[in-house]
Amino acid sequence: MGKANNPVNNSKPREKVSAFHVLLILIGANLMLLFAPDFGLLNSMLYIPDIYVWPATIGGLAMVVFGFRGFFKKA
């Protein structure tokens, strides 16, 4: 019987996931789901004026975008 081949080392470094950026993504997604105009969960139960809804939705979208920008880091 022949010898088994040694597994080839993976030369790519592992990538780390930043916990802060994961939290940014989760908080931003929750803001968008709760305060989306005409479709948000909190907005459908209570009447929330548009002066609060649009900035919360835009802020949630910005948090999601910035969260995904720094999601992976080289180890």
N, C-alpha and C. Protein backbone atom coordinates (compact mmCIF):
# COMPACT_ATOMS: atom_id res chain seq x y z
N MET A 1 0.83 -1.17 0.00
CA MET A 1 0.00 0.00 0.00
C MET A 1 0.88 1.24 0.00
N GLY A 2 0.49 2.24 -0.74
CA GLY A 2 1.29 3.46 -0.84
C GLY A 2 1.04 4.39 0.34
N LYS A 3 1.92 5.33 0.50
CA LYS A 3 1.77 6.33 1.56
C LYS A 3 0.67 7.33 1.20
N ALA A 4 -0.01 7.78 2.22
CA ALA A 4 -1.04 8.81 2.00
C ALA A 4 -0.35 10.16 1.80
N ASN A 5 -0.87 10.95 0.92
CA ASN A 5 -0.32 12.29 0.68
C ASN A 5 -0.62 13.20 1.85
N ASN A 6 0.35 14.04 2.20
CA ASN A 6 0.13 15.02 3.25
C ASN A 6 -0.82 16.10 2.74
N PRO A 7 -1.70 16.58 3.62
CA PRO A 7 -2.59 17.67 3.18
C PRO A 7 -1.79 18.92 2.85
N VAL A 8 -2.21 19.60 1.82
CA VAL A 8 -1.53 20.81 1.38
C VAL A 8 -1.92 21.95 2.31
N ASN A 9 -0.93 22.71 2.75
CA ASN A 9 -1.22 23.85 3.62
C ASN A 9 -1.91 24.94 2.83
N ASN A 10 -2.89 25.53 3.45
CA ASN A 10 -3.58 26.66 2.83
C ASN A 10 -2.76 27.91 3.12
N SER A 11 -2.25 28.53 2.09
CA SER A 11 -1.36 29.68 2.28
C SER A 11 -2.11 30.98 2.53
N LYS A 12 -3.40 30.99 2.37
CA LYS A 12 -4.17 32.21 2.61
C LYS A 12 -4.33 32.45 4.10
N PRO A 13 -4.13 33.68 4.55
CA PRO A 13 -4.37 33.94 5.97
C PRO A 13 -5.87 33.96 6.27
N ARG A 14 -6.22 33.57 7.48
CA ARG A 14 -7.63 33.58 7.86
C ARG A 14 -8.11 35.01 8.05
N GLU A 15 -9.37 35.21 7.80
CA GLU A 15 -9.95 36.53 7.99
C GLU A 15 -10.76 36.54 9.28
N LYS A 16 -10.65 37.61 10.02
CA LYS A 16 -11.40 37.76 11.25
C LYS A 16 -12.65 38.59 10.99
N VAL A 17 -13.68 38.30 11.73
CA VAL A 17 -14.91 39.09 11.64
C VAL A 17 -14.94 40.03 12.83
N SER A 18 -15.16 41.29 12.57
CA SER A 18 -15.18 42.29 13.62
C SER A 18 -16.54 42.29 14.32
N ALA A 19 -16.52 42.14 15.64
CA ALA A 19 -17.77 42.10 16.41
C ALA A 19 -18.47 43.45 16.39
N PHE A 20 -17.71 44.53 16.38
CA PHE A 20 -18.31 45.87 16.33
C PHE A 20 -19.10 46.06 15.03
N HIS A 21 -18.54 45.60 13.93
CA HIS A 21 -19.23 45.77 12.64
C HIS A 21 -20.46 44.87 12.54
N VAL A 22 -20.41 43.71 13.18
CA VAL A 22 -21.60 42.85 13.22
C VAL A 22 -22.72 43.55 13.99
N LEU A 23 -22.37 44.19 15.10
CA LEU A 23 -23.38 44.94 15.86
C LEU A 23 -23.93 46.11 15.06
N LEU A 24 -23.07 46.79 14.32
CA LEU A 24 -23.56 47.88 13.46
C LEU A 24 -24.58 47.37 12.45
N ILE A 25 -24.30 46.24 11.84
CA ILE A 25 -25.21 45.67 10.85
C ILE A 25 -26.54 45.30 11.50
N LEU A 26 -26.49 44.66 12.66
CA LEU A 26 -27.73 44.23 13.32
C LEU A 26 -28.57 45.42 13.78
N ILE A 27 -27.95 46.42 14.37
CA ILE A 27 -28.69 47.59 14.84
C ILE A 27 -29.28 48.36 13.67
N GLY A 28 -28.50 48.52 12.60
CA GLY A 28 -29.00 49.22 11.42
C GLY A 28 -30.16 48.50 10.76
N ALA A 29 -30.09 47.17 10.69
CA ALA A 29 -31.19 46.40 10.10
C ALA A 29 -32.44 46.50 10.96
N ASN A 30 -32.27 46.48 12.28
CA ASN A 30 -33.43 46.64 13.17
C ASN A 30 -34.07 48.01 13.03
N LEU A 31 -33.26 49.05 12.91
CA LEU A 31 -33.82 50.39 12.72
C LEU A 31 -34.63 50.46 11.43
N MET A 32 -34.10 49.87 10.38
CA MET A 32 -34.82 49.90 9.10
C MET A 32 -36.11 49.09 9.17
N LEU A 33 -36.09 47.94 9.84
CA LEU A 33 -37.31 47.12 9.94
C LEU A 33 -38.37 47.76 10.83
N LEU A 34 -37.94 48.46 11.87
CA LEU A 34 -38.91 49.06 12.77
C LEU A 34 -39.51 50.35 12.23
N PHE A 35 -38.69 51.19 11.61
CA PHE A 35 -39.13 52.53 11.26
C PHE A 35 -39.37 52.77 9.77
N ALA A 36 -39.35 51.75 8.94
CA ALA A 36 -39.56 51.97 7.51
C ALA A 36 -40.93 52.61 7.28
N PRO A 37 -40.97 53.67 6.47
CA PRO A 37 -42.25 54.36 6.24
C PRO A 37 -43.28 53.44 5.58
N ASP A 38 -44.45 53.39 6.13
CA ASP A 38 -45.60 52.62 5.64
C ASP A 38 -45.45 51.11 5.76
N PHE A 39 -44.26 50.57 6.06
CA PHE A 39 -44.07 49.13 6.15
C PHE A 39 -43.42 48.68 7.45
N GLY A 40 -42.89 49.59 8.23
CA GLY A 40 -42.17 49.22 9.44
C GLY A 40 -43.08 48.62 10.50
N LEU A 41 -42.52 47.74 11.31
CA LEU A 41 -43.32 47.07 12.34
C LEU A 41 -43.82 48.04 13.39
N LEU A 42 -42.96 48.89 13.87
CA LEU A 42 -43.36 49.86 14.89
C LEU A 42 -44.25 50.94 14.27
N ASN A 43 -43.99 51.27 13.03
CA ASN A 43 -44.77 52.29 12.35
C ASN A 43 -46.17 51.79 12.02
N SER A 44 -46.35 50.48 11.89
CA SER A 44 -47.69 49.97 11.59
C SER A 44 -48.56 49.89 12.84
N MET A 45 -47.93 49.76 14.02
CA MET A 45 -48.71 49.69 15.26
C MET A 45 -49.04 51.08 15.80
N LEU A 46 -48.10 51.99 15.70
CA LEU A 46 -48.26 53.35 16.22
C LEU A 46 -48.10 54.34 15.09
N TYR A 47 -48.69 55.49 15.25
CA TYR A 47 -48.45 56.53 14.26
C TYR A 47 -47.20 57.30 14.68
N ILE A 48 -46.19 57.24 13.84
CA ILE A 48 -44.95 57.96 14.09
C ILE A 48 -44.79 58.96 12.94
N PRO A 49 -44.62 60.23 13.25
CA PRO A 49 -44.51 61.23 12.18
C PRO A 49 -43.28 61.00 11.29
N ASP A 50 -43.39 61.49 10.08
CA ASP A 50 -42.33 61.30 9.10
C ASP A 50 -41.03 61.99 9.50
N ILE A 51 -41.10 62.97 10.36
CA ILE A 51 -39.88 63.66 10.78
C ILE A 51 -38.95 62.72 11.56
N TYR A 52 -39.51 61.65 12.17
CA TYR A 52 -38.70 60.67 12.89
C TYR A 52 -38.41 59.43 12.06
N VAL A 53 -39.32 59.09 11.16
CA VAL A 53 -39.22 57.84 10.40
C VAL A 53 -38.09 57.90 9.37
N TRP A 54 -38.04 58.95 8.57
CA TRP A 54 -37.03 59.01 7.51
C TRP A 54 -35.60 59.10 8.03
N PRO A 55 -35.30 59.92 9.03
CA PRO A 55 -33.92 59.91 9.54
C PRO A 55 -33.52 58.57 10.17
N ALA A 56 -34.46 57.88 10.83
CA ALA A 56 -34.14 56.58 11.41
C ALA A 56 -33.86 55.55 10.32
N THR A 57 -34.63 55.58 9.24
CA THR A 57 -34.42 54.64 8.14
C THR A 57 -33.11 54.92 7.43
N ILE A 58 -32.82 56.18 7.17
CA ILE A 58 -31.56 56.54 6.51
C ILE A 58 -30.37 56.22 7.42
N GLY A 59 -30.52 56.48 8.71
CA GLY A 59 -29.47 56.14 9.66
C GLY A 59 -29.22 54.64 9.73
N GLY A 60 -30.29 53.85 9.70
CA GLY A 60 -30.14 52.39 9.69
C GLY A 60 -29.45 51.89 8.44
N LEU A 61 -29.79 52.47 7.30
CA LEU A 61 -29.13 52.10 6.05
C LEU A 61 -27.65 52.46 6.08
N ALA A 62 -27.33 53.63 6.63
CA ALA A 62 -25.93 54.04 6.74
C ALA A 62 -25.16 53.11 7.68
N MET A 63 -25.79 52.69 8.77
CA MET A 63 -25.12 51.76 9.69
C MET A 63 -24.85 50.41 9.03
N VAL A 64 -25.78 49.94 8.22
CA VAL A 64 -25.58 48.68 7.52
C VAL A 64 -24.43 48.80 6.51
N VAL A 65 -24.40 49.90 5.77
CA VAL A 65 -23.34 50.10 4.78
C VAL A 65 -21.98 50.18 5.45
N PHE A 66 -21.86 50.98 6.52
CA PHE A 66 -20.57 51.10 7.20
C PHE A 66 -20.20 49.81 7.93
N GLY A 67 -21.18 49.04 8.35
CA GLY A 67 -20.89 47.76 8.97
C GLY A 67 -20.30 46.76 8.00
N PHE A 68 -20.82 46.74 6.78
CA PHE A 68 -20.29 45.81 5.78
C PHE A 68 -18.94 46.26 5.23
N ARG A 69 -18.64 47.56 5.32
CA ARG A 69 -17.34 48.03 4.81
C ARG A 69 -16.17 47.47 5.62
N GLY A 70 -16.34 47.32 6.91
CA GLY A 70 -15.24 46.84 7.74
C GLY A 70 -15.53 45.49 8.35
N PHE A 71 -16.34 44.69 7.70
CA PHE A 71 -16.78 43.41 8.25
C PHE A 71 -15.63 42.41 8.39
N PHE A 72 -14.83 42.24 7.35
CA PHE A 72 -13.72 41.30 7.37
C PHE A 72 -12.41 42.03 7.58
N LYS A 73 -11.54 41.43 8.38
CA LYS A 73 -10.20 41.97 8.59
C LYS A 73 -9.20 40.86 8.40
N LYS A 74 -8.07 41.19 7.81
CA LYS A 74 -7.01 40.20 7.63
C LYS A 74 -6.37 39.90 8.98
N ALA A 75 -6.11 38.63 9.23
CA ALA A 75 -5.49 38.23 10.50
C ALA A 75 -3.98 38.22 10.36
